[in-house]
Amino acid sequence: MCESQSSKGLSCLLPVYAKDDPAHLDQALESILRQNLPPDELVIVEDGPLTEPLRNALDTCGTRIPTLRVRLERNVGLGLALAKGLDACNFDLVARMDADDIARPERFERQEKFMQMNPAVLLLGSNVEEFRYQPGDLGRLRHPPELDEGIRRRARTRNPFNHMSVIFRRHAVQRAGGYRHRPGFEDYDLWLRLLRQPGQVANLGEVLVDVRIGSGMLSRRRGIRYLRSELEFLLDCRKQGLISTVDMARSALSRIPARLVPASALERIYDLFLRERASK
């Protein structure tokens, strides 16, 4: 924990890399700036050299909110980039944000208030609503368990948090070992270790982030290569004692069919079994 770190205030941690879309980044930054309760600082990790349009978007943002830019000479991957950014945060409460999602105006206000009123909670997420072109066009929710017991049960076989919606206590995350290089599973890996720390976790049962579903998302989450990476991650979790052999087997068996079907069929699986419909 750095000496200047404060227990009062909020850091927003945002990683950016060269392949991010400048227009999407503009929307993400604008949603941060227009919060009912803006963060006390924005910590941006530039994971390797960025394009000029991305740099311009970040330059504009830095004139409107206290901003710390952590520049990495080369692309090191999301896990290590987040670890560098977390080291730079000056506040114990840290909210994660992605460069292509949109935070609803009440997000930080609702989450910071909850964390202040519940000091035993180490990690707090929320529901998110997926969209393809503009918020609301799919009407599809990711609704994880809200209470500690249900979250821990879900974590044995699936990621129980929407990573782009979380806020956590930095000291607890650092105590758990922080972010690591686990391509595709950086957040799930951290949550499993954080759940072994003394304390509680929770999800708010409301949508606080609109999440962009790109055309390549489903393609990236299927195929032999992704399945192999997923199975290697589960095996590593078992070796570390983060999940049991039975949980590893159950998780693997539930994932194999979904990774081998066409992308169109995988989207249908998500829509029917892994998502909820937003109320009108």
C-alpha atoms as a PDB file:
ATOM      1  CA  MET A   1       0.000   0.000   0.000  1.00  0.00           C
ATOM      2  CA  CYS A   2       1.498   3.315  -1.061  1.00  0.00           C
ATOM      3  CA  GLU A   3       1.983   5.898   1.665  1.00  0.00           C
ATOM      4  CA  SER A   4      -0.316   8.428  -0.028  1.00  0.00           C
ATOM      5  CA  GLN A   5      -3.219   6.013  -0.334  1.00  0.00           C
ATOM      6  CA  SER A   6      -6.390   7.282   1.331  1.00  0.00           C
ATOM      7  CA  SER A   7      -9.340   5.369   2.759  1.00  0.00           C
ATOM      8  CA  LYS A   8     -11.630   8.201   1.578  1.00  0.00           C
ATOM      9  CA  GLY A   9     -12.168   8.787  -2.119  1.00  0.00           C
ATOM     10  CA  LEU A  10     -12.435   6.714  -5.275  1.00  0.00           C
ATOM     11  CA  SER A  11     -10.030   5.783  -8.043  1.00  0.00           C
ATOM     12  CA  CYS A  12     -11.344   4.665 -11.428  1.00  0.00           C
ATOM     13  CA  LEU A  13      -8.968   2.245 -13.163  1.00  0.00           C
ATOM     14  CA  LEU A  14      -9.175   2.186 -16.970  1.00  0.00           C
ATOM     15  CA  PRO A  15      -6.833   0.154 -19.234  1.00  0.00           C
ATOM     16  CA  VAL A  16      -6.414   1.206 -22.881  1.00  0.00           C
ATOM     17  CA  TYR A  17      -4.456  -0.411 -25.721  1.00  0.00           C
ATOM     18  CA  ALA A  18      -3.846   0.278 -29.396  1.00  0.00           C
ATOM     19  CA  LYS A  19      -6.744  -1.794 -30.760  1.00  0.00           C
ATOM     20  CA  ASP A  20      -9.405   0.036 -28.735  1.00  0.00           C
ATOM     21  CA  ASP A  21     -11.862   2.122 -30.765  1.00  0.00           C
ATOM     22  CA  PRO A  22     -11.400   5.901 -30.181  1.00  0.00           C
ATOM     23  CA  ALA A  23     -15.143   6.577 -30.567  1.00  0.00           C
ATOM     24  CA  HIS A  24     -15.978   3.917 -28.002  1.00  0.00           C
ATOM     25  CA  LEU A  25     -13.297   5.279 -25.665  1.00  0.00           C
ATOM     26  CA  ASP A  26     -14.827   8.761 -25.982  1.00  0.00           C
ATOM     27  CA  GLN A  27     -18.190   7.355 -24.851  1.00  0.00           C
ATOM     28  CA  ALA A  28     -16.624   5.486 -21.944  1.00  0.00           C
ATOM     29  CA  LEU A  29     -14.728   8.566 -20.758  1.00  0.00           C
ATOM     30  CA  GLU A  30     -17.775  10.798 -21.121  1.00  0.00           C
ATOM     31  CA  SER A  31     -19.795   8.389 -18.963  1.00  0.00           C
ATOM     32  CA  ILE A  32     -17.142   8.688 -16.245  1.00  0.00           C
ATOM     33  CA  LEU A  33     -17.077  12.470 -16.433  1.00  0.00           C
ATOM     34  CA  ARG A  34     -20.888  12.696 -16.212  1.00  0.00           C
ATOM     35  CA  GLN A  35     -21.272  10.612 -13.082  1.00  0.00           C
ATOM     36  CA  ASN A  36     -23.532  11.983 -10.344  1.00  0.00           C
ATOM     37  CA  LEU A  37     -20.496  11.434  -8.115  1.00  0.00           C
ATOM     38  CA  PRO A  38     -17.351  11.514 -10.297  1.00  0.00           C
ATOM     39  CA  PRO A  39     -14.270   9.603  -9.137  1.00  0.00           C
ATOM     40  CA  ASP A  40     -11.604  11.516  -7.275  1.00  0.00           C
ATOM     41  CA  GLU A  41      -9.055  10.375  -9.824  1.00  0.00           C
ATOM     42  CA  LEU A  42      -8.943   8.516 -13.122  1.00  0.00           C
ATOM     43  CA  VAL A  43      -5.983   6.156 -13.482  1.00  0.00           C
ATOM     44  CA  ILE A  44      -5.444   5.266 -17.144  1.00  0.00           C
ATOM     45  CA  VAL A  45      -3.018   2.509 -18.068  1.00  0.00           C
ATOM     46  CA  GLU A  46      -1.679   2.857 -21.610  1.00  0.00           C
ATOM     47  CA  ASP A  47      -0.773  -0.736 -22.381  1.00  0.00           C
ATOM     48  CA  GLY A  48       1.883  -0.063 -25.009  1.00  0.00           C
ATOM     49  CA  PRO A  49       1.997   2.711 -27.663  1.00  0.00           C
ATOM     50  CA  LEU A  50      -1.423   4.100 -28.600  1.00  0.00           C
ATOM     51  CA  THR A  51      -2.777   5.539 -31.840  1.00  0.00           C
ATOM     52  CA  GLU A  52      -3.041   9.305 -32.188  1.00  0.00           C
ATOM     53  CA  PRO A  53      -6.885   9.329 -31.963  1.00  0.00           C
ATOM     54  CA  LEU A  54      -6.712   7.378 -28.689  1.00  0.00           C
ATOM     55  CA  ARG A  55      -4.091   9.752 -27.285  1.00  0.00           C
ATOM     56  CA  ASN A  56      -6.225  12.738 -28.293  1.00  0.00           C
ATOM     57  CA  ALA A  57      -9.250  11.308 -26.474  1.00  0.00           C
ATOM     58  CA  LEU A  58      -7.175  10.837 -23.326  1.00  0.00           C
ATOM     59  CA  ASP A  59      -5.636  14.322 -23.585  1.00  0.00           C
ATOM     60  CA  THR A  60      -9.088  15.910 -23.663  1.00  0.00           C
ATOM     61  CA  CYS A  61     -10.290  13.908 -20.683  1.00  0.00           C
ATOM     62  CA  GLY A  62      -7.275  14.899 -18.598  1.00  0.00           C
ATOM     63  CA  THR A  63      -8.310  18.544 -18.631  1.00  0.00           C
ATOM     64  CA  ARG A  64     -11.669  17.783 -16.961  1.00  0.00           C
ATOM     65  CA  ILE A  65     -10.840  15.408 -14.091  1.00  0.00           C
ATOM     66  CA  PRO A  66      -7.700  14.592 -12.045  1.00  0.00           C
ATOM     67  CA  THR A  67      -5.985  12.025 -14.255  1.00  0.00           C
ATOM     68  CA  LEU A  68      -2.903   9.861 -13.848  1.00  0.00           C
ATOM     69  CA  ARG A  69      -1.620   8.168 -17.001  1.00  0.00           C
ATOM     70  CA  VAL A  70       0.580   5.110 -16.539  1.00  0.00           C
ATOM     71  CA  ARG A  71       2.447   4.613 -19.815  1.00  0.00           C
ATOM     72  CA  LEU A  72       3.927   1.184 -20.559  1.00  0.00           C
ATOM     73  CA  GLU A  73       6.607   1.002 -23.250  1.00  0.00           C
ATOM     74  CA  ARG A  74       5.184  -2.201 -24.720  1.00  0.00           C
ATOM     75  CA  ASN A  75       1.937  -4.135 -24.638  1.00  0.00           C
ATOM     76  CA  VAL A  76       2.124  -6.469 -21.631  1.00  0.00           C
ATOM     77  CA  GLY A  77      -1.461  -7.747 -21.580  1.00  0.00           C
ATOM     78  CA  LEU A  78      -4.464  -6.859 -19.464  1.00  0.00           C
ATOM     79  CA  GLY A  79      -3.467  -8.570 -16.209  1.00  0.00           C
ATOM     80  CA  LEU A  80      -0.041  -6.977 -15.892  1.00  0.00           C
ATOM     81  CA  ALA A  81      -1.367  -3.614 -17.109  1.00  0.00           C
ATOM     82  CA  LEU A  82      -4.036  -3.631 -14.402  1.00  0.00           C
ATOM     83  CA  ALA A  83      -1.417  -4.573 -11.802  1.00  0.00           C
ATOM     84  CA  LYS A  84       0.643  -1.510 -12.796  1.00  0.00           C
ATOM     85  CA  GLY A  85      -2.416   0.699 -12.674  1.00  0.00           C
ATOM     86  CA  LEU A  86      -3.514  -0.601  -9.303  1.00  0.00           C
ATOM     87  CA  ASP A  87      -0.091   0.224  -7.861  1.00  0.00           C
ATOM     88  CA  ALA A  88      -0.606   3.824  -8.977  1.00  0.00           C
ATOM     89  CA  CYS A  89      -4.049   4.321  -7.421  1.00  0.00           C
ATOM     90  CA  ASN A  90      -4.111   6.796  -4.515  1.00  0.00           C
ATOM     91  CA  PHE A  91      -7.390   5.633  -2.950  1.00  0.00           C
ATOM     92  CA  ASP A  92      -8.375   2.338  -1.371  1.00  0.00           C
ATOM     93  CA  LEU A  93     -11.703   2.157  -3.213  1.00  0.00           C
ATOM     94  CA  VAL A  94     -11.058   1.315  -6.864  1.00  0.00           C
ATOM     95  CA  ALA A  95     -13.678   0.967  -9.616  1.00  0.00           C
ATOM     96  CA  ARG A  96     -12.900  -0.951 -12.795  1.00  0.00           C
ATOM     97  CA  MET A  97     -13.938   0.410 -16.170  1.00  0.00           C
ATOM     98  CA  ASP A  98     -13.424  -0.845 -19.722  1.00  0.00           C
ATOM     99  CA  ALA A  99     -12.581   1.369 -22.698  1.00  0.00           C
ATOM    100  CA  ASP A 100     -15.703   0.455 -24.671  1.00  0.00           C
ATOM    101  CA  ASP A 101     -18.474   0.326 -22.043  1.00  0.00           C
ATOM    102  CA  ILE A 102     -20.761   3.032 -20.668  1.00  0.00           C
ATOM    103  CA  ALA A 103     -21.264   3.636 -16.940  1.00  0.00           C
ATOM    104  CA  ARG A 104     -24.734   4.835 -15.994  1.00  0.00           C
ATOM    105  CA  PRO A 105     -24.737   8.202 -14.168  1.00  0.00           C
ATOM    106  CA  GLU A 106     -25.572   6.738 -10.752  1.00  0.00           C
ATOM    107  CA  ARG A 107     -22.962   3.968 -10.840  1.00  0.00           C
ATOM    108  CA  PHE A 108     -20.172   5.353  -8.646  1.00  0.00           C
ATOM    109  CA  GLU A 109     -22.569   7.105  -6.290  1.00  0.00           C
ATOM    110  CA  ARG A 110     -24.494   3.877  -5.609  1.00  0.00           C
ATOM    111  CA  GLN A 111     -21.420   1.705  -5.265  1.00  0.00           C
ATOM    112  CA  GLU A 112     -19.335   4.060  -3.137  1.00  0.00           C
ATOM    113  CA  LYS A 113     -22.253   4.572  -0.743  1.00  0.00           C
ATOM    114  CA  PHE A 114     -22.750   0.800  -0.438  1.00  0.00           C
ATOM    115  CA  MET A 115     -19.065   0.210   0.309  1.00  0.00           C
ATOM    116  CA  GLN A 116     -19.026   2.953   2.931  1.00  0.00           C
ATOM    117  CA  MET A 117     -22.081   1.470   4.652  1.00  0.00           C
ATOM    118  CA  ASN A 118     -20.750  -2.111   4.449  1.00  0.00           C
ATOM    119  CA  PRO A 119     -17.083  -2.071   5.516  1.00  0.00           C
ATOM    120  CA  ALA A 120     -16.891  -5.884   5.553  1.00  0.00           C
ATOM    121  CA  VAL A 121     -17.575  -6.045   1.801  1.00  0.00           C
ATOM    122  CA  LEU A 122     -14.332  -6.331  -0.186  1.00  0.00           C
ATOM    123  CA  LEU A 123     -15.768  -6.546  -3.696  1.00  0.00           C
ATOM    124  CA  LEU A 124     -19.025  -5.239  -5.146  1.00  0.00           C
ATOM    125  CA  GLY A 125     -20.416  -5.704  -8.638  1.00  0.00           C
ATOM    126  CA  SER A 126     -23.752  -5.121 -10.335  1.00  0.00           C
ATOM    127  CA  ASN A 127     -26.006  -6.201 -13.158  1.00  0.00           C
ATOM    128  CA  VAL A 128     -25.059  -5.016 -16.630  1.00  0.00           C
ATOM    129  CA  GLU A 129     -27.089  -4.652 -19.830  1.00  0.00           C
ATOM    130  CA  GLU A 130     -25.559  -5.728 -23.123  1.00  0.00           C
ATOM    131  CA  PHE A 131     -25.886  -3.688 -26.317  1.00  0.00           C
ATOM    132  CA  ARG A 132     -24.583  -3.974 -29.864  1.00  0.00           C
ATOM    133  CA  TYR A 133     -24.901  -0.499 -31.414  1.00  0.00           C
ATOM    134  CA  GLN A 134     -26.568   1.663 -28.778  1.00  0.00           C
ATOM    135  CA  PRO A 135     -27.640   1.028 -25.161  1.00  0.00           C
ATOM    136  CA  GLY A 136     -30.935  -0.817 -24.932  1.00  0.00           C
ATOM    137  CA  ASP A 137     -30.943  -2.336 -28.414  1.00  0.00           C
ATOM    138  CA  LEU A 138     -30.628  -5.933 -27.188  1.00  0.00           C
ATOM    139  CA  GLY A 139     -32.555  -5.764 -23.921  1.00  0.00           C
ATOM    140  CA  ARG A 140     -30.306  -8.469 -22.476  1.00  0.00           C
ATOM    141  CA  LEU A 141     -29.040  -8.532 -18.875  1.00  0.00           C
ATOM    142  CA  ARG A 142     -26.260 -10.307 -17.042  1.00  0.00           C
ATOM    143  CA  HIS A 143     -27.656 -10.804 -13.546  1.00  0.00           C
ATOM    144  CA  PRO A 144     -25.175 -12.530 -11.199  1.00  0.00           C
ATOM    145  CA  PRO A 145     -26.039 -13.659  -7.652  1.00  0.00           C
ATOM    146  CA  GLU A 146     -26.402 -10.751  -5.240  1.00  0.00           C
ATOM    147  CA  LEU A 147     -25.563 -12.285  -1.845  1.00  0.00           C
ATOM    148  CA  ASP A 148     -22.262 -13.606  -0.535  1.00  0.00           C
ATOM    149  CA  GLU A 149     -23.393 -17.229  -0.279  1.00  0.00           C
ATOM    150  CA  GLY A 150     -24.754 -17.379  -3.818  1.00  0.00           C
ATOM    151  CA  ILE A 151     -21.682 -15.655  -5.238  1.00  0.00           C
ATOM    152  CA  ARG A 152     -19.350 -18.144  -3.587  1.00  0.00           C
ATOM    153  CA  ARG A 153     -21.436 -21.033  -4.897  1.00  0.00           C
ATOM    154  CA  ARG A 154     -21.416 -19.612  -8.445  1.00  0.00           C
ATOM    155  CA  ALA A 155     -17.655 -18.980  -8.291  1.00  0.00           C
ATOM    156  CA  ARG A 156     -16.983 -22.709  -8.045  1.00  0.00           C
ATOM    157  CA  THR A 157     -17.934 -23.173 -11.717  1.00  0.00           C
ATOM    158  CA  ARG A 158     -18.428 -19.720 -13.286  1.00  0.00           C
ATOM    159  CA  ASN A 159     -17.288 -16.134 -12.884  1.00  0.00           C
ATOM    160  CA  PRO A 160     -19.787 -14.563 -10.429  1.00  0.00           C
ATOM    161  CA  PHE A 161     -19.032 -10.910 -11.288  1.00  0.00           C
ATOM    162  CA  ASN A 162     -19.356  -8.654 -14.295  1.00  0.00           C
ATOM    163  CA  HIS A 163     -15.791  -7.349 -14.183  1.00  0.00           C
ATOM    164  CA  MET A 164     -16.553  -3.976 -15.809  1.00  0.00           C
ATOM    165  CA  SER A 165     -19.047  -3.239 -13.011  1.00  0.00           C
ATOM    166  CA  VAL A 166     -16.913  -3.921  -9.944  1.00  0.00           C
ATOM    167  CA  ILE A 167     -15.560  -1.718  -7.192  1.00  0.00           C
ATOM    168  CA  PHE A 168     -13.163  -3.194  -4.638  1.00  0.00           C
ATOM    169  CA  ARG A 169     -10.909  -2.410  -1.719  1.00  0.00           C
ATOM    170  CA  ARG A 170      -7.385  -2.087  -3.039  1.00  0.00           C
ATOM    171  CA  HIS A 171      -5.723  -3.337   0.117  1.00  0.00           C
ATOM    172  CA  ALA A 172      -7.722  -6.590  -0.007  1.00  0.00           C
ATOM    173  CA  VAL A 173      -6.932  -7.151  -3.683  1.00  0.00           C
ATOM    174  CA  GLN A 174      -3.225  -6.539  -3.071  1.00  0.00           C
ATOM    175  CA  ARG A 175      -3.309  -8.892  -0.094  1.00  0.00           C
ATOM    176  CA  ALA A 176      -4.803 -11.579  -2.361  1.00  0.00           C
ATOM    177  CA  GLY A 177      -1.912 -11.193  -4.794  1.00  0.00           C
ATOM    178  CA  GLY A 178      -3.381  -8.605  -7.159  1.00  0.00           C
ATOM    179  CA  TYR A 179      -3.884  -9.002 -10.883  1.00  0.00           C
ATOM    180  CA  ARG A 180      -1.764 -11.584 -12.694  1.00  0.00           C
ATOM    181  CA  HIS A 181      -1.046 -12.547 -16.294  1.00  0.00           C
ATOM    182  CA  ARG A 182      -3.958 -14.900 -17.015  1.00  0.00           C
ATOM    183  CA  PRO A 183      -5.050 -14.088 -20.595  1.00  0.00           C
ATOM    184  CA  GLY A 184      -8.823 -14.188 -20.823  1.00  0.00           C
ATOM    185  CA  PHE A 185      -9.272 -14.960 -17.121  1.00  0.00           C
ATOM    186  CA  GLU A 186      -7.539 -12.085 -15.302  1.00  0.00           C
ATOM    187  CA  ASP A 187     -10.595 -11.084 -13.284  1.00  0.00           C
ATOM    188  CA  TYR A 188     -11.960 -14.564 -12.494  1.00  0.00           C
ATOM    189  CA  ASP A 189      -8.496 -15.585 -11.299  1.00  0.00           C
ATOM    190  CA  LEU A 190      -8.411 -12.594  -8.944  1.00  0.00           C
ATOM    191  CA  TRP A 191     -11.942 -13.125  -7.620  1.00  0.00           C
ATOM    192  CA  LEU A 192     -11.187 -16.757  -6.716  1.00  0.00           C
ATOM    193  CA  ARG A 193      -8.189 -15.645  -4.665  1.00  0.00           C
ATOM    194  CA  LEU A 194     -10.041 -12.701  -3.136  1.00  0.00           C
ATOM    195  CA  LEU A 195     -12.827 -15.014  -1.965  1.00  0.00           C
ATOM    196  CA  ARG A 196     -10.284 -16.708   0.295  1.00  0.00           C
ATOM    197  CA  GLN A 197      -9.679 -13.454   2.172  1.00  0.00           C
ATOM    198  CA  PRO A 198     -11.622 -12.569   5.362  1.00  0.00           C
ATOM    199  CA  GLY A 199     -14.632 -10.514   4.363  1.00  0.00           C
ATOM    200  CA  GLN A 200     -17.730 -10.548   2.197  1.00  0.00           C
ATOM    201  CA  VAL A 201     -18.651  -9.907  -1.438  1.00  0.00           C
ATOM    202  CA  ALA A 202     -21.878  -8.702  -3.076  1.00  0.00           C
ATOM    203  CA  ASN A 203     -23.601  -7.668  -6.299  1.00  0.00           C
ATOM    204  CA  LEU A 204     -26.188  -4.898  -6.576  1.00  0.00           C
ATOM    205  CA  GLY A 205     -29.338  -6.141  -8.284  1.00  0.00           C
ATOM    206  CA  GLU A 206     -29.546  -3.200 -10.677  1.00  0.00           C
ATOM    207  CA  VAL A 207     -27.968  -2.291 -13.994  1.00  0.00           C
ATOM    208  CA  LEU A 208     -25.105   0.172 -13.529  1.00  0.00           C
ATOM    209  CA  VAL A 209     -23.117  -0.401 -16.733  1.00  0.00           C
ATOM    210  CA  ASP A 210     -24.073  -0.794 -20.388  1.00  0.00           C
ATOM    211  CA  VAL A 211     -21.715  -3.330 -21.952  1.00  0.00           C
ATOM    212  CA  ARG A 212     -20.808  -3.293 -25.630  1.00  0.00           C
ATOM    213  CA  ILE A 213     -20.989  -6.662 -27.386  1.00  0.00           C
ATOM    214  CA  GLY A 214     -18.633  -6.485 -30.367  1.00  0.00           C
ATOM    215  CA  SER A 215     -19.055  -8.607 -33.446  1.00  0.00           C
ATOM    216  CA  GLY A 216     -15.986 -10.677 -32.583  1.00  0.00           C
ATOM    217  CA  MET A 217     -16.790 -11.409 -28.940  1.00  0.00           C
ATOM    218  CA  LEU A 218     -18.518 -14.739 -29.520  1.00  0.00           C
ATOM    219  CA  SER A 219     -15.934 -15.830 -32.075  1.00  0.00           C
ATOM    220  CA  ARG A 220     -13.194 -15.249 -29.506  1.00  0.00           C
ATOM    221  CA  ARG A 221     -15.046 -17.381 -26.947  1.00  0.00           C
ATOM    222  CA  ARG A 222     -15.265 -20.520 -29.030  1.00  0.00           C
ATOM    223  CA  GLY A 223     -12.921 -22.908 -30.812  1.00  0.00           C
ATOM    224  CA  ILE A 224     -10.277 -25.414 -29.774  1.00  0.00           C
ATOM    225  CA  ARG A 225      -7.690 -22.784 -28.850  1.00  0.00           C
ATOM    226  CA  TYR A 226      -9.990 -20.954 -26.455  1.00  0.00           C
ATOM    227  CA  LEU A 227     -11.230 -24.231 -24.972  1.00  0.00           C
ATOM    228  CA  ARG A 228      -7.655 -25.385 -24.373  1.00  0.00           C
ATOM    229  CA  SER A 229      -6.837 -22.104 -22.632  1.00  0.00           C
ATOM    230  CA  GLU A 230      -9.982 -22.408 -20.521  1.00  0.00           C
ATOM    231  CA  LEU A 231      -9.208 -25.972 -19.462  1.00  0.00           C
ATOM    232  CA  GLU A 232      -5.615 -25.036 -18.614  1.00  0.00           C
ATOM    233  CA  PHE A 233      -6.912 -22.206 -16.439  1.00  0.00           C
ATOM    234  CA  LEU A 234      -9.306 -24.548 -14.588  1.00  0.00           C
ATOM    235  CA  LEU A 235      -6.531 -27.085 -14.043  1.00  0.00           C
ATOM    236  CA  ASP A 236      -4.252 -24.365 -12.687  1.00  0.00           C
ATOM    237  CA  CYS A 237      -7.015 -23.219 -10.308  1.00  0.00           C
ATOM    238  CA  ARG A 238      -7.346 -26.797  -9.071  1.00  0.00           C
ATOM    239  CA  LYS A 239      -3.604 -27.100  -8.512  1.00  0.00           C
ATOM    240  CA  GLN A 240      -3.675 -23.886  -6.444  1.00  0.00           C
ATOM    241  CA  GLY A 241      -6.567 -25.189  -4.371  1.00  0.00           C
ATOM    242  CA  LEU A 242      -8.920 -22.436  -5.565  1.00  0.00           C
ATOM    243  CA  ILE A 243     -11.527 -24.965  -6.752  1.00  0.00           C
ATOM    244  CA  SER A 244     -12.093 -28.656  -6.065  1.00  0.00           C
ATOM    245  CA  THR A 245     -11.569 -31.517  -8.503  1.00  0.00           C
ATOM    246  CA  VAL A 246     -15.338 -32.027  -8.702  1.00  0.00           C
ATOM    247  CA  ASP A 247     -15.942 -28.334  -9.424  1.00  0.00           C
ATOM    248  CA  MET A 248     -13.199 -28.368 -12.067  1.00  0.00           C
ATOM    249  CA  ALA A 249     -14.824 -31.338 -13.793  1.00  0.00           C
ATOM    250  CA  ARG A 250     -18.315 -29.832 -13.641  1.00  0.00           C
ATOM    251  CA  SER A 251     -17.082 -26.532 -15.025  1.00  0.00           C
ATOM    252  CA  ALA A 252     -15.120 -28.177 -17.833  1.00  0.00           C
ATOM    253  CA  LEU A 253     -18.000 -30.410 -18.905  1.00  0.00           C
ATOM    254  CA  SER A 254     -20.409 -27.464 -19.024  1.00  0.00           C
ATOM    255  CA  ARG A 255     -18.031 -25.412 -21.182  1.00  0.00           C
ATOM    256  CA  ILE A 256     -16.902 -27.944 -23.798  1.00  0.00           C
ATOM    257  CA  PRO A 257     -20.140 -28.045 -25.867  1.00  0.00           C
ATOM    258  CA  ALA A 258     -20.466 -24.248 -25.941  1.00  0.00           C
ATOM    259  CA  ARG A 259     -16.906 -23.818 -27.241  1.00  0.00           C
ATOM    260  CA  LEU A 260     -17.393 -26.226 -30.144  1.00  0.00           C
ATOM    261  CA  VAL A 261     -20.700 -24.975 -31.593  1.00  0.00           C
ATOM    262  CA  PRO A 262     -20.934 -22.256 -34.309  1.00  0.00           C
ATOM    263  CA  ALA A 263     -20.952 -18.643 -33.118  1.00  0.00           C
ATOM    264  CA  SER A 264     -24.630 -18.267 -34.042  1.00  0.00           C
ATOM    265  CA  ALA A 265     -25.538 -21.232 -31.841  1.00  0.00           C
ATOM    266  CA  LEU A 266     -23.372 -19.896 -29.012  1.00  0.00           C
ATOM    267  CA  GLU A 267     -25.223 -16.574 -29.107  1.00  0.00           C
ATOM    268  CA  ARG A 268     -28.494 -18.474 -28.854  1.00  0.00           C
ATOM    269  CA  ILE A 269     -27.176 -20.369 -25.810  1.00  0.00           C
ATOM    270  CA  TYR A 270     -26.211 -17.097 -24.158  1.00  0.00           C
ATOM    271  CA  ASP A 271     -29.584 -15.569 -24.944  1.00  0.00           C
ATOM    272  CA  LEU A 272     -31.664 -18.514 -23.712  1.00  0.00           C
ATOM    273  CA  PHE A 273     -29.713 -19.773 -20.710  1.00  0.00           C
ATOM    274  CA  LEU A 274     -27.114 -17.239 -19.547  1.00  0.00           C
ATOM    275  CA  ARG A 275     -28.925 -13.897 -19.923  1.00  0.00           C
ATOM    276  CA  GLU A 276     -32.148 -12.290 -18.725  1.00  0.00           C
ATOM    277  CA  ARG A 277     -34.462  -9.914 -20.548  1.00  0.00           C
ATOM    278  CA  ALA A 278     -34.501  -6.269 -19.485  1.00  0.00           C
ATOM    279  CA  SER A 279     -37.875  -5.005 -18.282  1.00  0.00           C
ATOM    280  CA  LYS A 280     -39.466  -2.361 -20.477  1.00  0.00           C
END
